[in-house]
Amino acid sequence: MDDQQASAFEIVDDAGRVRARLGLSPDGTLSLDLADDQGLVRAALSVHPGGSSSLRLADEHGTSRVAIGSWLDGSASVDLYDSQRNQRVSLGEGPGRPAGVSVWDAAGHLRAALAQGPAPDRESSVEFWDRDGHYRAGLGTWPDGGTGVELLDPDRTLRTRLGQRGGIDGEPATLELYGADGRFKAAMGEYPDGAGRLNLWEADGTSQSGPVA
């Protein structure tokens, strides 16, 4: 190594505090660290072994709050953390994962997602979970071509669906109600022949139907 080369460079302020450092860590990560006037690293731009790269931003206590990265698995994301280091928001995309936004609560439970893909499990949807981690509601277009709103109870049983099912040309648009056992209780819709029908199911599973005026 000649006098024009070094494994690390540092910039210090008038008080001798290191405010910026560019260098290689023992594992081969190349980083540019920027510190505040208290010596806390507030921003770090890194290129990691294998090719991933990231930018991390910290608050006034040195707690990492933002991470922007292109990762080894082929994904890219922007991740936000609260002051307790809990991940709260992620915007990202990558192989085998949805492209979109996910939101967690302070307890670490996924609470909401706006996502597209991955096929064949998801088309495009907005989805919500309760504080216990149970999936409760979704609005979207589905891989079978259907579209609709779905509401589930705390036992994850589908209770209400408003939309049009896919897979069959001319499938009616319906409002469907289900019991706690998951069985049909009522359905109302407009059918391909232009008629509107209301169907009600008895406890024994028999159906009563009639036109909707």
C-alpha atoms as a PDB file:
ATOM      1  CA  MET A   1       0.000   0.000   0.000  1.00  0.00           C
ATOM      2  CA  ASP A   2       1.530   3.317  -1.084  1.00  0.00           C
ATOM      3  CA  ASP A   3       1.071   6.745   0.505  1.00  0.00           C
ATOM      4  CA  GLN A   4      -1.972   7.383  -1.717  1.00  0.00           C
ATOM      5  CA  GLN A   5      -3.857   4.367  -0.363  1.00  0.00           C
ATOM      6  CA  ALA A   6      -5.321   3.373   2.994  1.00  0.00           C
ATOM      7  CA  SER A   7      -7.825   0.884   4.436  1.00  0.00           C
ATOM      8  CA  ALA A   8      -9.781   3.703   6.123  1.00  0.00           C
ATOM      9  CA  PHE A   9     -10.169   7.476   6.001  1.00  0.00           C
ATOM     10  CA  GLU A  10     -11.542   9.630   8.814  1.00  0.00           C
ATOM     11  CA  ILE A  11     -12.717  13.218   9.065  1.00  0.00           C
ATOM     12  CA  VAL A  12     -12.649  14.889  12.490  1.00  0.00           C
ATOM     13  CA  ASP A  13     -14.148  18.142  13.719  1.00  0.00           C
ATOM     14  CA  ASP A  14     -12.387  20.908  15.667  1.00  0.00           C
ATOM     15  CA  ALA A  15     -12.885  18.966  18.910  1.00  0.00           C
ATOM     16  CA  GLY A  16     -11.183  15.891  17.475  1.00  0.00           C
ATOM     17  CA  ARG A  17     -14.405  13.874  17.196  1.00  0.00           C
ATOM     18  CA  VAL A  18     -14.653  11.530  14.220  1.00  0.00           C
ATOM     19  CA  ARG A  19     -17.547  12.781  12.086  1.00  0.00           C
ATOM     20  CA  ALA A  20     -17.060  10.636   9.000  1.00  0.00           C
ATOM     21  CA  ARG A  21     -15.286   7.368   8.310  1.00  0.00           C
ATOM     22  CA  LEU A  22     -14.822   5.477   5.079  1.00  0.00           C
ATOM     23  CA  GLY A  23     -13.361   2.047   5.544  1.00  0.00           C
ATOM     24  CA  LEU A  24     -13.431  -1.729   5.279  1.00  0.00           C
ATOM     25  CA  SER A  25     -14.636  -3.929   8.133  1.00  0.00           C
ATOM     26  CA  PRO A  26     -13.061  -7.343   8.854  1.00  0.00           C
ATOM     27  CA  ASP A  27     -15.897  -9.125   6.999  1.00  0.00           C
ATOM     28  CA  GLY A  28     -15.205  -7.134   3.832  1.00  0.00           C
ATOM     29  CA  THR A  29     -18.067  -4.629   4.138  1.00  0.00           C
ATOM     30  CA  LEU A  30     -17.196  -1.210   2.733  1.00  0.00           C
ATOM     31  CA  SER A  31     -18.989   1.562   4.650  1.00  0.00           C
ATOM     32  CA  LEU A  32     -19.231   5.304   4.835  1.00  0.00           C
ATOM     33  CA  ASP A  33     -20.362   6.267   8.356  1.00  0.00           C
ATOM     34  CA  LEU A  34     -21.489   9.780   9.222  1.00  0.00           C
ATOM     35  CA  ALA A  35     -21.707  10.832  12.887  1.00  0.00           C
ATOM     36  CA  ASP A  36     -23.305  13.764  14.677  1.00  0.00           C
ATOM     37  CA  ASP A  37     -21.500  16.149  17.036  1.00  0.00           C
ATOM     38  CA  GLN A  38     -22.016  13.643  19.877  1.00  0.00           C
ATOM     39  CA  GLY A  39     -20.193  10.903  18.022  1.00  0.00           C
ATOM     40  CA  LEU A  40     -23.311   8.822  17.244  1.00  0.00           C
ATOM     41  CA  VAL A  41     -23.397   7.322  13.769  1.00  0.00           C
ATOM     42  CA  ARG A  42     -26.532   8.734  12.133  1.00  0.00           C
ATOM     43  CA  ALA A  43     -26.098   7.470   8.573  1.00  0.00           C
ATOM     44  CA  ALA A  44     -24.264   4.482   7.130  1.00  0.00           C
ATOM     45  CA  LEU A  45     -23.910   3.660   3.450  1.00  0.00           C
ATOM     46  CA  SER A  46     -22.581   0.143   2.944  1.00  0.00           C
ATOM     47  CA  VAL A  47     -21.701  -2.335   0.242  1.00  0.00           C
ATOM     48  CA  HIS A  48     -21.692  -5.860   1.664  1.00  0.00           C
ATOM     49  CA  PRO A  49     -19.807  -8.967   0.543  1.00  0.00           C
ATOM     50  CA  GLY A  50     -21.775 -10.715  -2.186  1.00  0.00           C
ATOM     51  CA  GLY A  51     -23.144  -7.498  -3.664  1.00  0.00           C
ATOM     52  CA  SER A  52     -26.003  -6.244  -1.483  1.00  0.00           C
ATOM     53  CA  SER A  53     -25.980  -2.558  -0.574  1.00  0.00           C
ATOM     54  CA  SER A  54     -27.808  -0.499   2.034  1.00  0.00           C
ATOM     55  CA  LEU A  55     -28.335   2.910   3.540  1.00  0.00           C
ATOM     56  CA  ARG A  56     -29.264   3.059   7.239  1.00  0.00           C
ATOM     57  CA  LEU A  57     -30.394   6.162   9.096  1.00  0.00           C
ATOM     58  CA  ALA A  58     -30.493   6.536  12.892  1.00  0.00           C
ATOM     59  CA  ASP A  59     -32.242   8.952  15.247  1.00  0.00           C
ATOM     60  CA  GLU A  60     -30.651  11.226  17.850  1.00  0.00           C
ATOM     61  CA  HIS A  61     -30.233   8.238  20.201  1.00  0.00           C
ATOM     62  CA  GLY A  62     -28.375   6.155  17.625  1.00  0.00           C
ATOM     63  CA  THR A  63     -31.361   3.847  17.059  1.00  0.00           C
ATOM     64  CA  SER A  64     -31.666   2.654  13.479  1.00  0.00           C
ATOM     65  CA  ARG A  65     -34.982   3.974  12.089  1.00  0.00           C
ATOM     66  CA  VAL A  66     -34.710   3.645   8.307  1.00  0.00           C
ATOM     67  CA  ALA A  67     -33.095   0.991   6.122  1.00  0.00           C
ATOM     68  CA  ILE A  68     -32.982   1.180   2.336  1.00  0.00           C
ATOM     69  CA  GLY A  69     -31.417  -1.733   0.581  1.00  0.00           C
ATOM     70  CA  SER A  70     -30.885  -3.961  -2.389  1.00  0.00           C
ATOM     71  CA  TRP A  71     -30.394  -7.426  -0.904  1.00  0.00           C
ATOM     72  CA  LEU A  72     -28.678 -10.704  -1.786  1.00  0.00           C
ATOM     73  CA  ASP A  73     -31.978 -12.542  -2.337  1.00  0.00           C
ATOM     74  CA  GLY A  74     -32.841 -10.200  -5.208  1.00  0.00           C
ATOM     75  CA  SER A  75     -35.271  -8.077  -3.211  1.00  0.00           C
ATOM     76  CA  ALA A  76     -35.242  -4.324  -2.621  1.00  0.00           C
ATOM     77  CA  SER A  77     -36.951  -2.533   0.248  1.00  0.00           C
ATOM     78  CA  VAL A  78     -37.422   0.564   2.347  1.00  0.00           C
ATOM     79  CA  ASP A  79     -38.011  -0.391   6.004  1.00  0.00           C
ATOM     80  CA  LEU A  80     -39.071   1.904   8.845  1.00  0.00           C
ATOM     81  CA  TYR A  81     -38.579   1.140  12.558  1.00  0.00           C
ATOM     82  CA  ASP A  82     -39.923   2.803  15.692  1.00  0.00           C
ATOM     83  CA  SER A  83     -37.832   4.088  18.591  1.00  0.00           C
ATOM     84  CA  GLN A  84     -37.920   0.612  20.194  1.00  0.00           C
ATOM     85  CA  ARG A  85     -36.379  -0.987  17.076  1.00  0.00           C
ATOM     86  CA  ASN A  86     -39.675  -2.618  16.052  1.00  0.00           C
ATOM     87  CA  GLN A  87     -40.241  -2.816  12.314  1.00  0.00           C
ATOM     88  CA  ARG A  88     -43.409  -0.854  11.480  1.00  0.00           C
ATOM     89  CA  VAL A  89     -43.490  -0.311   7.707  1.00  0.00           C
ATOM     90  CA  SER A  90     -41.912  -2.039   4.727  1.00  0.00           C
ATOM     91  CA  LEU A  91     -42.109  -1.032   1.075  1.00  0.00           C
ATOM     92  CA  GLY A  92     -40.522  -3.645  -1.126  1.00  0.00           C
ATOM     93  CA  GLU A  93     -40.534  -6.230  -3.853  1.00  0.00           C
ATOM     94  CA  GLY A  94     -38.571  -9.324  -4.704  1.00  0.00           C
ATOM     95  CA  PRO A  95     -38.650 -12.930  -5.878  1.00  0.00           C
ATOM     96  CA  GLY A  96     -41.432 -14.957  -4.217  1.00  0.00           C
ATOM     97  CA  ARG A  97     -42.797 -12.031  -2.236  1.00  0.00           C
ATOM     98  CA  PRO A  98     -45.521  -9.451  -2.881  1.00  0.00           C
ATOM     99  CA  ALA A  99     -44.667  -6.043  -4.260  1.00  0.00           C
ATOM    100  CA  GLY A 100     -46.231  -3.475  -1.971  1.00  0.00           C
ATOM    101  CA  VAL A 101     -46.478  -1.975   1.497  1.00  0.00           C
ATOM    102  CA  SER A 102     -46.814  -3.880   4.802  1.00  0.00           C
ATOM    103  CA  VAL A 103     -47.587  -2.306   8.197  1.00  0.00           C
ATOM    104  CA  TRP A 104     -46.958  -3.853  11.646  1.00  0.00           C
ATOM    105  CA  ASP A 105     -48.110  -2.701  15.081  1.00  0.00           C
ATOM    106  CA  ALA A 106     -45.774  -2.101  18.023  1.00  0.00           C
ATOM    107  CA  ALA A 107     -46.271  -5.704  19.184  1.00  0.00           C
ATOM    108  CA  GLY A 108     -44.902  -7.047  15.906  1.00  0.00           C
ATOM    109  CA  HIS A 109     -48.217  -8.167  14.398  1.00  0.00           C
ATOM    110  CA  LEU A 110     -48.814  -7.619  10.698  1.00  0.00           C
ATOM    111  CA  ARG A 111     -51.887  -5.346  10.518  1.00  0.00           C
ATOM    112  CA  ALA A 112     -52.242  -4.156   6.927  1.00  0.00           C
ATOM    113  CA  ALA A 113     -50.865  -4.815   3.463  1.00  0.00           C
ATOM    114  CA  LEU A 114     -51.290  -3.274   0.041  1.00  0.00           C
ATOM    115  CA  ALA A 115     -49.826  -5.811  -2.342  1.00  0.00           C
ATOM    116  CA  GLN A 116     -49.610  -7.161  -5.857  1.00  0.00           C
ATOM    117  CA  GLY A 117     -48.562 -10.793  -6.338  1.00  0.00           C
ATOM    118  CA  PRO A 118     -46.835 -13.104  -6.107  1.00  0.00           C
ATOM    119  CA  ALA A 119     -48.700 -15.312  -8.558  1.00  0.00           C
ATOM    120  CA  PRO A 120     -50.509 -17.627  -8.285  1.00  0.00           C
ATOM    121  CA  ASP A 121     -51.495 -16.881  -4.670  1.00  0.00           C
ATOM    122  CA  ARG A 122     -52.331 -13.175  -4.978  1.00  0.00           C
ATOM    123  CA  GLU A 123     -53.382 -10.726  -7.670  1.00  0.00           C
ATOM    124  CA  SER A 124     -53.849  -7.221  -6.180  1.00  0.00           C
ATOM    125  CA  SER A 125     -55.338  -6.583  -2.758  1.00  0.00           C
ATOM    126  CA  VAL A 126     -55.613  -4.502   0.393  1.00  0.00           C
ATOM    127  CA  GLU A 127     -55.679  -6.768   3.467  1.00  0.00           C
ATOM    128  CA  PHE A 128     -56.118  -6.258   7.217  1.00  0.00           C
ATOM    129  CA  TRP A 129     -55.318  -8.323  10.339  1.00  0.00           C
ATOM    130  CA  ASP A 130     -56.478  -7.797  13.922  1.00  0.00           C
ATOM    131  CA  ARG A 131     -54.263  -7.292  16.981  1.00  0.00           C
ATOM    132  CA  ASP A 132     -54.129 -11.058  17.560  1.00  0.00           C
ATOM    133  CA  GLY A 133     -52.714 -11.702  14.112  1.00  0.00           C
ATOM    134  CA  HIS A 134     -55.974 -13.018  12.591  1.00  0.00           C
ATOM    135  CA  TYR A 135     -56.764 -12.107   8.993  1.00  0.00           C
ATOM    136  CA  ARG A 136     -60.040 -10.155   9.088  1.00  0.00           C
ATOM    137  CA  ALA A 137     -60.693  -8.262   5.851  1.00  0.00           C
ATOM    138  CA  GLY A 138     -59.581  -8.040   2.259  1.00  0.00           C
ATOM    139  CA  LEU A 139     -60.410  -6.004  -0.826  1.00  0.00           C
ATOM    140  CA  GLY A 140     -58.972  -7.008  -4.142  1.00  0.00           C
ATOM    141  CA  THR A 141     -58.859  -8.778  -7.443  1.00  0.00           C
ATOM    142  CA  TRP A 142     -58.003 -12.462  -7.174  1.00  0.00           C
ATOM    143  CA  PRO A 143     -55.972 -14.838  -9.388  1.00  0.00           C
ATOM    144  CA  ASP A 144     -59.136 -16.604 -10.620  1.00  0.00           C
ATOM    145  CA  GLY A 145     -60.406 -13.336 -12.105  1.00  0.00           C
ATOM    146  CA  GLY A 146     -62.830 -12.569  -9.310  1.00  0.00           C
ATOM    147  CA  THR A 147     -63.037  -9.336  -7.397  1.00  0.00           C
ATOM    148  CA  GLY A 148     -64.597  -8.421  -4.082  1.00  0.00           C
ATOM    149  CA  VAL A 149     -64.557  -7.552  -0.403  1.00  0.00           C
ATOM    150  CA  GLU A 150     -64.235 -10.314   2.216  1.00  0.00           C
ATOM    151  CA  LEU A 151     -64.873 -10.039   5.982  1.00  0.00           C
ATOM    152  CA  LEU A 152     -63.838 -12.758   8.433  1.00  0.00           C
ATOM    153  CA  ASP A 153     -64.566 -13.286  12.133  1.00  0.00           C
ATOM    154  CA  PRO A 154     -61.881 -13.765  14.839  1.00  0.00           C
ATOM    155  CA  ASP A 155     -61.917 -17.523  14.140  1.00  0.00           C
ATOM    156  CA  ARG A 156     -60.901 -16.759  10.529  1.00  0.00           C
ATOM    157  CA  THR A 157     -64.263 -17.936   9.204  1.00  0.00           C
ATOM    158  CA  LEU A 158     -65.518 -16.076   6.130  1.00  0.00           C
ATOM    159  CA  ARG A 159     -68.738 -14.272   7.151  1.00  0.00           C
ATOM    160  CA  THR A 160     -69.418 -11.737   4.402  1.00  0.00           C
ATOM    161  CA  ARG A 161     -68.407 -11.454   0.773  1.00  0.00           C
ATOM    162  CA  LEU A 162     -69.397  -8.783  -1.737  1.00  0.00           C
ATOM    163  CA  GLY A 163     -68.132  -9.201  -5.269  1.00  0.00           C
ATOM    164  CA  GLN A 164     -67.973 -11.266  -8.403  1.00  0.00           C
ATOM    165  CA  ARG A 165     -66.388 -14.686  -8.391  1.00  0.00           C
ATOM    166  CA  GLY A 166     -64.037 -15.587 -11.208  1.00  0.00           C
ATOM    167  CA  GLY A 167     -63.517 -18.663 -13.308  1.00  0.00           C
ATOM    168  CA  ILE A 168     -66.915 -18.754 -15.033  1.00  0.00           C
ATOM    169  CA  ASP A 169     -68.050 -16.356 -17.759  1.00  0.00           C
ATOM    170  CA  GLY A 170     -71.068 -14.396 -16.657  1.00  0.00           C
ATOM    171  CA  GLU A 171     -70.695 -15.237 -12.981  1.00  0.00           C
ATOM    172  CA  PRO A 172     -73.134 -13.061 -11.003  1.00  0.00           C
ATOM    173  CA  ALA A 173     -72.154 -10.231  -8.692  1.00  0.00           C
ATOM    174  CA  THR A 174     -73.412 -11.176  -5.232  1.00  0.00           C
ATOM    175  CA  LEU A 175     -73.613 -10.257  -1.584  1.00  0.00           C
ATOM    176  CA  GLU A 176     -73.070 -13.447   0.464  1.00  0.00           C
ATOM    177  CA  LEU A 177     -73.528 -14.006   4.212  1.00  0.00           C
ATOM    178  CA  TYR A 178     -72.153 -17.040   6.074  1.00  0.00           C
ATOM    179  CA  GLY A 179     -72.764 -18.465   9.520  1.00  0.00           C
ATOM    180  CA  ALA A 180     -70.160 -19.144  12.187  1.00  0.00           C
ATOM    181  CA  ASP A 181     -69.939 -22.689  10.806  1.00  0.00           C
ATOM    182  CA  GLY A 182     -68.897 -21.316   7.417  1.00  0.00           C
ATOM    183  CA  ARG A 183     -72.116 -22.361   5.681  1.00  0.00           C
ATOM    184  CA  PHE A 184     -74.219 -20.134   3.438  1.00  0.00           C
ATOM    185  CA  LYS A 185     -76.965 -18.179   5.205  1.00  0.00           C
ATOM    186  CA  ALA A 186     -78.019 -15.673   2.550  1.00  0.00           C
ATOM    187  CA  ALA A 187     -77.026 -14.503  -0.906  1.00  0.00           C
ATOM    188  CA  MET A 188     -78.379 -11.748  -3.112  1.00  0.00           C
ATOM    189  CA  GLY A 189     -77.244 -11.040  -6.638  1.00  0.00           C
ATOM    190  CA  GLU A 190     -77.896 -10.146 -10.231  1.00  0.00           C
ATOM    191  CA  TYR A 191     -77.540 -13.131 -12.529  1.00  0.00           C
ATOM    192  CA  PRO A 192     -76.484 -13.366 -16.211  1.00  0.00           C
ATOM    193  CA  ASP A 193     -80.120 -13.526 -17.353  1.00  0.00           C
ATOM    194  CA  GLY A 194     -80.657 -10.089 -15.839  1.00  0.00           C
ATOM    195  CA  ALA A 195     -82.757 -11.336 -12.933  1.00  0.00           C
ATOM    196  CA  GLY A 196     -82.054 -10.442  -9.327  1.00  0.00           C
ATOM    197  CA  ARG A 197     -82.406 -13.286  -6.826  1.00  0.00           C
ATOM    198  CA  LEU A 198     -82.368 -13.683  -3.065  1.00  0.00           C
ATOM    199  CA  ASN A 199     -81.398 -17.063  -1.585  1.00  0.00           C
ATOM    200  CA  LEU A 200     -81.815 -17.985   2.089  1.00  0.00           C
ATOM    201  CA  TRP A 201     -80.505 -21.196   3.665  1.00  0.00           C
ATOM    202  CA  GLU A 202     -82.175 -23.033   6.523  1.00  0.00           C
ATOM    203  CA  ALA A 203     -80.212 -24.591   9.396  1.00  0.00           C
ATOM    204  CA  ASP A 204     -80.529 -27.989   7.684  1.00  0.00           C
ATOM    205  CA  GLY A 205     -78.909 -26.620   4.503  1.00  0.00           C
ATOM    206  CA  THR A 206     -82.076 -26.357   2.395  1.00  0.00           C
ATOM    207  CA  SER A 207     -82.348 -23.278   0.227  1.00  0.00           C
ATOM    208  CA  GLN A 208     -85.235 -20.918  -0.410  1.00  0.00           C
ATOM    209  CA  SER A 209     -84.937 -18.571  -3.371  1.00  0.00           C
ATOM    210  CA  GLY A 210     -86.964 -15.887  -5.026  1.00  0.00           C
ATOM    211  CA  PRO A 211     -86.698 -12.864  -7.280  1.00  0.00           C
ATOM    212  CA  VAL A 212     -85.600  -9.492  -5.997  1.00  0.00           C
ATOM    213  CA  ALA A 213     -88.068  -6.764  -6.977  1.00  0.00           C
END
